[in-house]
Protein backbone atom coordinates (compact mmCIF):
# COMPACT_ATOMS: atom_id res chain seq x y z
CA UNK A 1 12.41 -17.82 13.51
CA UNK A 2 11.47 -14.24 14.00
CA UNK A 3 8.23 -13.09 15.85
CA UNK A 4 6.67 -9.77 16.17
CA UNK A 5 4.89 -8.38 19.13
CA UNK A 6 2.70 -5.31 19.62
CA UNK A 7 2.34 -3.77 22.93
CA UNK A 8 0.46 -0.82 24.15
CA UNK A 9 2.22 1.89 25.81
CA UNK A 10 1.14 4.39 28.46
CA UNK A 11 3.46 7.41 28.19
CA UNK A 12 3.12 10.50 30.67
CA UNK A 13 2.06 13.71 29.23
CA UNK A 14 5.64 14.57 29.07
CA UNK A 15 6.79 11.29 27.35
CA UNK A 16 3.98 11.65 24.89
CA UNK A 17 5.05 14.86 23.85
CA UNK A 18 8.69 13.76 23.66
CA UNK A 19 7.60 10.74 21.59
CA UNK A 20 5.59 13.04 18.97
CA UNK A 21 8.80 15.52 18.74
CA UNK A 22 10.85 12.22 17.96
CA UNK A 23 8.33 11.42 14.93
CA UNK A 24 8.66 15.08 13.89
CA UNK A 25 12.25 15.21 13.79
CA UNK A 26 12.53 11.99 11.95
CA UNK A 27 10.04 13.05 9.78
CA UNK A 28 11.79 16.08 8.82
CA UNK A 29 15.18 14.05 8.12
CA UNK A 30 13.42 11.88 5.88
CA UNK A 31 11.99 14.72 3.93
CA UNK A 32 15.23 16.42 3.82
CA UNK A 33 17.15 13.39 2.56
CA UNK A 34 14.33 12.96 -0.36
CA UNK A 35 14.94 16.10 -1.25
CA UNK A 36 18.68 16.18 -1.30
CA UNK A 37 18.08 13.07 -3.79
CA UNK A 38 15.74 14.95 -5.83
CA UNK A 39 18.00 17.90 -6.14
CA UNK A 40 20.98 15.94 -6.75
CA UNK A 41 19.34 13.91 -9.88
CA UNK A 42 17.83 17.20 -11.26
CA UNK A 43 21.27 18.84 -11.54
CA UNK A 44 22.79 18.49 -15.02
CA UNK A 45 25.31 16.09 -13.68
CA UNK A 46 22.44 13.55 -12.63
CA UNK A 47 23.98 12.72 -9.19
CA UNK A 48 22.47 9.60 -7.89
CA UNK A 49 22.79 9.56 -3.90
CA UNK A 50 22.84 6.56 -1.77
CA UNK A 51 22.25 5.66 1.83
CA UNK A 52 26.07 5.51 2.55
CA UNK A 53 26.55 9.26 1.30
CA UNK A 54 23.74 10.39 3.27
CA UNK A 55 24.37 8.43 6.72
CA UNK A 56 27.95 9.92 6.51
CA UNK A 57 26.29 13.58 6.68
CA UNK A 58 24.49 12.46 10.20
CA UNK A 59 27.45 13.43 12.57
CA UNK A 60 27.30 16.88 10.87
CA UNK A 61 23.38 17.23 11.12
CA UNK A 62 23.31 16.55 14.65
CA UNK A 63 26.15 19.14 15.78
CA UNK A 64 24.29 21.44 13.66
CA UNK A 65 21.10 20.91 15.38
CA UNK A 66 21.53 19.61 18.57
CA UNK A 67 18.49 20.34 19.98
CA UNK A 68 16.27 18.64 17.53
CA UNK A 69 18.39 15.81 15.38
CA UNK A 70 20.97 15.76 18.15
CA UNK A 71 18.78 14.62 20.67
CA UNK A 72 17.51 11.11 19.18
CA UNK A 73 19.52 7.95 18.75
CA UNK A 74 22.07 7.98 16.03
CA UNK A 75 20.70 4.26 14.82
CA UNK A 76 17.36 5.00 14.67
CA UNK A 77 18.36 8.00 12.34
CA UNK A 78 20.22 5.61 10.12
CA UNK A 79 17.07 3.35 10.04
CA UNK A 80 15.10 6.22 8.86
CA UNK A 81 17.68 6.97 6.05
CA UNK A 82 17.63 2.88 4.88
CA UNK A 83 13.80 3.11 4.94
CA UNK A 84 14.15 5.94 2.18
CA UNK A 85 16.55 3.96 0.55
CA UNK A 86 14.46 1.20 0.28
CA UNK A 87 11.76 3.23 -1.02
CA UNK A 88 13.81 4.05 -4.06
CA UNK A 89 15.27 0.63 -4.42
CA UNK A 90 11.29 -0.57 -4.79
CA UNK A 91 11.15 2.52 -6.86
CA UNK A 92 13.41 1.77 -9.41
CA UNK A 93 12.57 -2.28 -9.09
CA UNK A 94 8.98 -1.18 -10.59
CA UNK A 95 10.46 0.76 -13.39
CA UNK A 96 12.56 -1.92 -14.70
CA UNK A 97 9.49 -4.23 -14.28
CA UNK A 98 7.19 -1.97 -16.22
CA UNK A 99 5.05 -1.71 -13.09
CA UNK A 100 3.65 1.60 -11.92
CA UNK A 101 6.87 3.29 -10.61
CA UNK A 102 5.19 5.47 -7.76
CA UNK A 103 7.94 7.91 -7.01
CA UNK A 104 8.66 8.29 -3.07
CA UNK A 105 6.77 10.90 -1.49
CA UNK A 106 7.38 13.56 1.12
CA UNK A 107 5.57 12.77 4.44
CA UNK A 108 3.61 14.89 6.09
CA UNK A 109 3.85 15.14 10.03
CA UNK A 110 0.74 13.15 10.54
CA UNK A 111 1.71 10.35 8.35
CA UNK A 112 5.08 9.48 9.58
CA UNK A 113 4.10 7.36 12.37
CA UNK A 114 6.92 4.78 13.02
CA UNK A 115 10.52 5.06 14.12
CA UNK A 116 12.65 2.05 14.26
CA UNK A 117 15.60 1.16 16.48
CA UNK A 118 17.80 -1.72 14.67
CA UNK A 119 19.14 -2.92 18.02
CA UNK A 120 17.79 -3.41 21.49
CA UNK A 121 20.60 -1.39 23.65
CA UNK A 122 21.34 1.07 20.95
CA UNK A 123 19.15 4.04 21.84
CA UNK A 124 16.43 1.96 23.48
CA UNK A 125 16.14 -0.71 26.03
CA UNK A 126 13.39 -3.52 26.06
CA UNK A 127 12.43 -4.38 29.96
CA UNK A 128 14.66 -1.30 31.27
CA UNK A 129 13.49 -1.89 34.64
CA UNK A 130 13.57 -5.47 35.30
CA UNK A 131 13.62 -5.00 39.04
CA UNK A 132 10.20 -3.33 38.74
CA UNK A 133 7.06 -5.52 38.35
CA UNK A 134 5.94 -2.75 35.91
CA UNK A 135 7.35 -3.52 32.51
CA UNK A 136 8.93 -0.51 30.71
CA UNK A 137 10.71 0.26 27.63
CA UNK A 138 13.42 3.27 27.58
CA UNK A 139 14.13 5.57 24.61
CA UNK A 140 16.61 8.11 24.05
CA UNK A 141 15.51 11.39 24.82
CA UNK A 142 11.97 10.09 25.95
CA UNK A 143 12.86 8.20 29.24
CA UNK A 144 11.23 4.87 30.80
CA UNK A 145 7.71 4.47 29.23
CA UNK A 146 5.33 2.17 31.00
CA UNK A 147 4.40 -0.90 28.71
CA UNK A 148 0.76 -2.92 28.99
CA UNK A 149 2.93 -6.25 28.33
CA UNK A 150 -0.15 -8.76 27.80
CA UNK A 151 1.92 -11.65 27.22
CA UNK A 152 5.47 -12.73 27.71
CA UNK A 153 8.03 -11.99 25.02
CA UNK A 154 10.03 -15.53 24.18
CA UNK A 155 13.48 -15.33 22.61
CA UNK A 156 15.88 -12.58 22.32
CA UNK A 157 14.78 -8.99 21.26
CA UNK A 158 16.29 -7.89 18.08
CA UNK A 159 14.71 -4.63 17.14
CA UNK A 160 12.16 -2.00 18.97
CA UNK A 161 9.78 0.14 17.16
CA UNK A 162 7.70 3.05 18.22
CA UNK A 163 4.45 3.20 16.47
CA UNK A 164 1.50 6.06 16.65
CA UNK A 165 -2.08 5.31 15.99
CA UNK A 166 -4.25 7.92 16.58
CA UNK A 167 -3.91 9.16 20.27
CA UNK A 168 -2.44 5.89 21.28
CA UNK A 169 1.58 4.77 21.28
CA UNK A 170 2.56 1.38 20.83
CA UNK A 171 6.10 -0.43 21.04
CA UNK A 172 6.58 -3.06 18.32
CA UNK A 173 9.52 -5.95 19.06
CA UNK A 174 10.75 -8.62 17.00
CA UNK A 175 12.33 -11.28 18.81
CA UNK A 176 14.78 -14.30 17.47
CA UNK A 177 13.29 -17.47 18.82
CA UNK A 178 13.89 -21.14 18.44
CA UNK A 179 11.20 -23.03 16.06
CA UNK A 180 8.28 -23.61 18.32
CA UNK A 181 7.16 -27.02 19.27
CA UNK A 182 4.64 -27.90 16.34
CA UNK A 183 1.11 -29.01 17.07
CA UNK A 184 0.24 -32.67 17.66
CA UNK A 185 -0.79 -34.09 14.28
CA UNK A 186 -4.74 -34.73 13.83
CA UNK A 187 -4.93 -36.83 10.63
CA UNK A 188 -7.18 -34.27 9.11
CA UNK A 189 -7.01 -32.59 5.59
CA UNK A 190 -9.26 -29.63 4.27
CA UNK A 191 -9.92 -27.47 1.56
CA UNK A 192 -11.28 -24.04 1.93
CA UNK A 193 -13.22 -21.93 -0.50
CA UNK A 194 -13.23 -17.91 0.36
CA UNK A 195 -16.34 -16.17 -0.75
CA UNK A 196 -18.28 -12.92 -0.01
CA UNK A 197 -21.89 -14.49 1.17
CA UNK A 198 -19.87 -16.82 3.34
CA UNK A 199 -16.30 -16.04 4.51
CA UNK A 200 -14.82 -19.61 4.15
CA UNK A 201 -16.40 -22.90 3.08
CA UNK A 202 -14.44 -25.98 4.04
CA UNK A 203 -14.61 -29.26 2.28
CA UNK A 204 -16.25 -30.72 5.43
CA UNK A 205 -19.30 -28.84 4.62
CA UNK A 206 -18.55 -26.42 7.29
CA UNK A 207 -18.99 -22.54 6.86
CA UNK A 208 -17.73 -19.54 8.50
CA UNK A 209 -19.98 -16.55 8.10
CA UNK A 210 -18.78 -13.12 6.89
CA UNK A 211 -18.79 -10.81 9.80
CA UNK A 212 -18.98 -7.73 7.16
CA UNK A 213 -17.46 -5.40 9.50
CA UNK A 214 -17.11 -2.56 7.03
CA UNK A 215 -20.69 -2.74 6.21
CA UNK A 216 -21.88 -2.78 9.96
CA UNK A 217 -19.68 0.27 10.25
CA UNK A 218 -20.47 2.20 6.95
CA UNK A 219 -23.12 4.40 8.61
CA UNK A 220 -21.24 5.83 11.38
CA UNK A 221 -18.18 6.20 8.80
CA UNK A 222 -20.50 7.87 6.31
CA UNK A 223 -21.83 10.39 9.05
CA UNK A 224 -18.21 10.93 10.24
CA UNK A 225 -17.00 11.35 6.69
CA UNK A 226 -19.94 13.92 5.86
CA UNK A 227 -19.00 15.71 9.09
CA UNK A 228 -15.29 16.25 8.18
CA UNK A 229 -16.18 17.69 4.84
CA UNK A 230 -18.30 20.22 6.25
CA UNK A 231 -15.15 21.51 8.46
CA UNK A 232 -12.93 24.39 7.51
CA UNK A 233 -9.23 23.48 6.97
CA UNK A 234 -6.85 23.83 9.62
CA UNK A 235 -9.37 24.24 12.50
CA UNK A 236 -9.57 22.35 15.80
CA UNK A 237 -13.01 20.92 14.88
CA UNK A 238 -11.46 19.50 11.89
CA UNK A 239 -8.66 17.93 13.56
CA UNK A 240 -11.38 16.11 16.05
CA UNK A 241 -13.52 15.04 12.61
CA UNK A 242 -10.29 13.56 11.09
CA UNK A 243 -9.56 11.88 14.29
CA UNK A 244 -13.04 10.43 14.42
CA UNK A 245 -12.90 9.08 11.03
CA UNK A 246 -9.46 7.57 11.72
CA UNK A 247 -10.59 5.79 14.61
CA UNK A 248 -13.58 4.27 12.79
CA UNK A 249 -11.09 2.84 9.91
CA UNK A 250 -8.93 1.64 12.54
CA UNK A 251 -11.84 -0.42 14.79
CA UNK A 252 -12.57 -2.03 11.52
CA UNK A 253 -9.30 -2.73 10.89
CA UNK A 254 -8.70 -4.37 14.30
CA UNK A 255 -12.10 -6.30 14.04
CA UNK A 256 -10.96 -7.76 10.63
CA UNK A 257 -7.53 -8.80 11.97
CA UNK A 258 -9.10 -10.47 15.04
CA UNK A 259 -11.60 -12.51 12.87
CA UNK A 260 -8.75 -13.75 10.45
CA UNK A 261 -6.69 -14.52 13.73
CA UNK A 262 -9.43 -16.67 15.10
CA UNK A 263 -10.40 -18.11 11.80
CA UNK A 264 -6.72 -19.24 10.76
CA UNK A 265 -6.04 -20.26 14.31
CA UNK A 266 -9.14 -22.79 14.42
CA UNK A 267 -7.90 -23.97 10.80
CA UNK A 268 -4.53 -24.93 11.84
CA UNK A 269 -5.48 -26.42 15.40
CA UNK A 270 -7.85 -28.61 13.52
CA UNK A 271 -6.10 -29.86 10.32
CA UNK A 272 -2.81 -31.08 9.49
CA UNK A 273 -3.02 -29.79 5.62
CA UNK A 274 -4.99 -26.95 4.32
CA UNK A 275 -5.57 -26.08 0.73
CA UNK A 276 -6.68 -22.78 -0.68
CA UNK A 277 -7.58 -20.82 -3.98
CA UNK A 278 -4.19 -18.92 -4.98
CA UNK A 279 -6.19 -15.72 -5.45
CA UNK A 280 -4.77 -12.74 -7.39
CA UNK A 281 -6.78 -10.33 -5.26
CA UNK A 282 -5.27 -7.01 -6.68
CA UNK A 283 -6.73 -8.01 -10.14
CA UNK A 284 -9.94 -9.27 -8.69
CA UNK A 285 -10.54 -5.67 -7.16
CA UNK A 286 -9.63 -3.75 -9.98
CA UNK A 287 -12.01 -1.04 -11.71
CA UNK A 288 -13.22 -2.14 -15.11
CA UNK A 289 -11.52 -0.07 -18.08
CA UNK A 290 -13.50 2.34 -19.69
CA UNK A 291 -15.48 1.76 -23.03
CA UNK A 292 -15.24 4.59 -25.33
CA UNK A 293 -18.25 4.82 -27.58
CA UNK A 294 -17.14 4.65 -31.23
CA UNK A 295 -19.92 6.43 -32.52
CA UNK A 296 -19.71 9.40 -30.38
CA UNK A 297 -15.88 10.74 -30.06
CA UNK A 298 -15.44 11.47 -26.29
CA UNK A 299 -18.33 9.54 -24.71
CA UNK A 300 -18.37 6.30 -23.18
CA UNK A 301 -20.29 3.15 -23.13
CA UNK A 302 -21.73 1.73 -19.78
CA UNK A 303 -18.68 -0.52 -18.41
CA UNK A 304 -20.43 -1.73 -15.17
CA UNK A 305 -18.36 0.13 -13.00
CA UNK A 306 -21.05 0.95 -10.66
CA UNK A 307 -21.71 -2.79 -9.99
CA UNK A 308 -17.72 -3.67 -9.92
CA UNK A 309 -17.22 -0.74 -7.33
CA UNK A 310 -19.75 -2.79 -5.01
CA UNK A 311 -18.17 -6.08 -5.42
CA UNK A 312 -14.75 -4.53 -4.96
CA UNK A 313 -15.72 -3.05 -1.64
CA UNK A 314 -16.87 -6.26 -0.49
CA UNK A 315 -13.98 -8.08 -1.43
CA UNK A 316 -11.84 -5.60 0.25
CA UNK A 317 -14.12 -5.91 3.53
CA UNK A 318 -13.87 -9.40 3.88
CA UNK A 319 -10.14 -9.00 4.11
CA UNK A 320 -8.80 -12.26 2.09
CA UNK A 321 -5.47 -10.99 2.01
CA UNK A 322 -4.77 -10.61 5.38
CA UNK A 323 -6.35 -13.64 6.22
CA UNK A 324 -4.16 -15.92 3.92
CA UNK A 325 -1.10 -13.94 5.18
CA UNK A 326 -1.89 -15.01 8.81
CA UNK A 327 -2.85 -18.54 7.88
CA UNK A 328 0.44 -19.23 6.58
CA UNK A 329 2.26 -17.54 9.36
CA UNK A 330 0.39 -19.64 11.80
CA UNK A 331 0.74 -22.67 9.74
CA UNK A 332 4.63 -22.60 9.79
CA UNK A 333 4.53 -21.83 13.69
CA UNK A 334 2.38 -25.07 13.99
CA UNK A 335 4.31 -27.14 11.89
CA UNK A 336 1.32 -27.52 9.25
CA UNK A 337 1.16 -27.58 5.87
CA UNK A 338 -0.68 -24.91 3.44
CA UNK A 339 -0.75 -24.73 -0.27
CA UNK A 340 -2.34 -22.57 -2.67
CA UNK A 341 -3.92 -24.13 -6.02
CA UNK A 342 -5.12 -22.56 -9.28
CA UNK A 343 -8.75 -21.56 -8.47
CA UNK A 344 -10.20 -21.85 -12.43
CA UNK A 345 -13.28 -23.90 -12.73
CA UNK A 346 -13.11 -25.25 -9.03
CA UNK A 347 -16.88 -24.40 -8.36
CA UNK A 348 -17.91 -25.56 -11.72
CA UNK A 349 -16.37 -29.30 -11.66
CA UNK A 350 -18.02 -32.19 -10.24
CA UNK A 351 -16.77 -33.49 -7.21
CA UNK A 352 -17.40 -36.99 -7.88
CA UNK A 353 -14.49 -39.06 -8.90
CA UNK A 354 -16.55 -41.01 -11.55
CA UNK A 355 -18.08 -37.71 -13.15
CA UNK A 356 -15.40 -34.68 -12.98
CA UNK A 357 -17.82 -33.06 -15.43
CA UNK A 358 -16.85 -29.25 -16.17
CA UNK A 359 -19.33 -26.71 -17.11
CA UNK A 360 -20.36 -23.38 -16.42
CA UNK A 361 -24.00 -24.50 -16.25
CA UNK A 362 -23.38 -26.80 -13.31
CA UNK A 363 -23.40 -23.56 -11.27
CA UNK A 364 -27.01 -22.00 -12.14
CA UNK A 365 -27.00 -20.06 -9.11
CA UNK A 366 -24.32 -18.16 -6.79
CA UNK A 367 -25.14 -21.12 -3.96
CA UNK A 368 -26.22 -24.24 -6.15
CA UNK A 369 -24.36 -26.45 -7.99
CA UNK A 370 -25.93 -29.04 -10.11
CA UNK A 371 -24.07 -31.34 -12.45
CA UNK A 372 -25.49 -31.27 -15.70
CA UNK A 373 -23.78 -34.75 -16.50
CA UNK A 374 -24.44 -36.97 -13.73
CA UNK A 375 -27.42 -34.96 -11.50
CA UNK A 376 -25.20 -34.33 -8.34
CA UNK A 377 -26.26 -31.45 -6.31
CA UNK A 378 -24.22 -29.40 -3.33
CA UNK A 379 -23.67 -26.06 -2.07
CA UNK A 380 -21.26 -24.44 -4.76
CA UNK A 381 -18.92 -23.15 -2.16
CA UNK A 382 -18.29 -26.63 -0.67
CA UNK A 383 -17.91 -28.18 -4.21
CA UNK A 384 -15.07 -25.51 -4.68
CA UNK A 385 -13.52 -26.42 -1.40
CA UNK A 386 -13.53 -29.92 -2.29
CA UNK A 387 -11.94 -29.72 -5.41
CA UNK A 388 -9.44 -27.46 -3.79
CA UNK A 389 -8.44 -30.00 -1.33
CA UNK A 390 -8.14 -32.41 -4.37
CA UNK A 391 -5.77 -30.36 -6.32
CA UNK A 392 -3.85 -29.22 -3.02
CA UNK A 393 -3.15 -33.19 -2.50
CA UNK A 394 -2.43 -33.68 -5.70
CA UNK A 395 0.08 -30.96 -5.76
CA UNK A 396 1.61 -31.87 -2.45
CA UNK A 397 2.18 -35.76 -3.85
CA UNK A 398 3.72 -34.67 -6.86
CA UNK A 399 6.13 -32.06 -4.68
CA UNK A 400 7.27 -35.18 -2.75
CA UNK A 401 7.58 -37.64 -5.53
């Protein structure tokens, strides 16, 4: 299996400058290759340019510009061209499937923050000074950069990437390793129901509170964005204001990740089987369609957009998608089983086996469940989790049959 590791680098002033120049030159290469594709297709011949054609030009580009493009690893430049090729492949796939295409865009220097080295030892070297207790990674054109390696890397390093986040530099490794030993069985199964009032309710009656990191940071973020709006363009004051807003967003993202990792790890350690709702988060957080007023052309009727915007913000702040991705990854590593089930009516169905009554009236409030048939009462999210577990076990049994 492939596992990723991310470590903070501590470059010197000169190394940080060289890393910035490397990102700048790769960004220039990416934009130049994109422009070439655009110009070729706009020509009357409608020429299509592929990765192989652009990769063949790298030797001449490096010879023509030895001070910039010639400084960096040939393989990393090929990876940048492959990155553009993947963007075009995804664009054409969306066109064929009828989705919103999203044509590949030019990247600004501040929006191009990653360079990949496809092979350890080709333009880069992880743990380049093994005789030194201080871990370092070497990049062509930059040198040996100190790394804060907070945990050991297991397996063989396959790829190495440089990533910039604000003023910090990170090295991201992918390592190929054997399948880890599964966690010892616990004999426990659980269903979970994701929500906003509480982040997670399980079928055993437990709850995980929603930390609402975005709402906690909303006041600081609002003040930082207002300060940014007052700044003139292309000034030093504006650059600092942009960095301040980015740092706040970055902190919220790290907090969400930390919460998702800890919650997912707790579930994987405690249970052999986890069932969850198969949520279509992108559809759930869509803005409502406008409602034209038939009596007044050009006017629109209220469509609840303001209330839906608040709900969408809460859904995004909860970070369900990130959590489910992490849960599946940790379960695979631990030898656990995770199944997604249809979420329809899970919180409107009576969980008692002898009843099973389904009705919208069974859930009179957001938190309360009261069966109109048998009178059973419980927390609505707990009821949803019980029904999710039941559906997950039925699906597992059907798959094993």
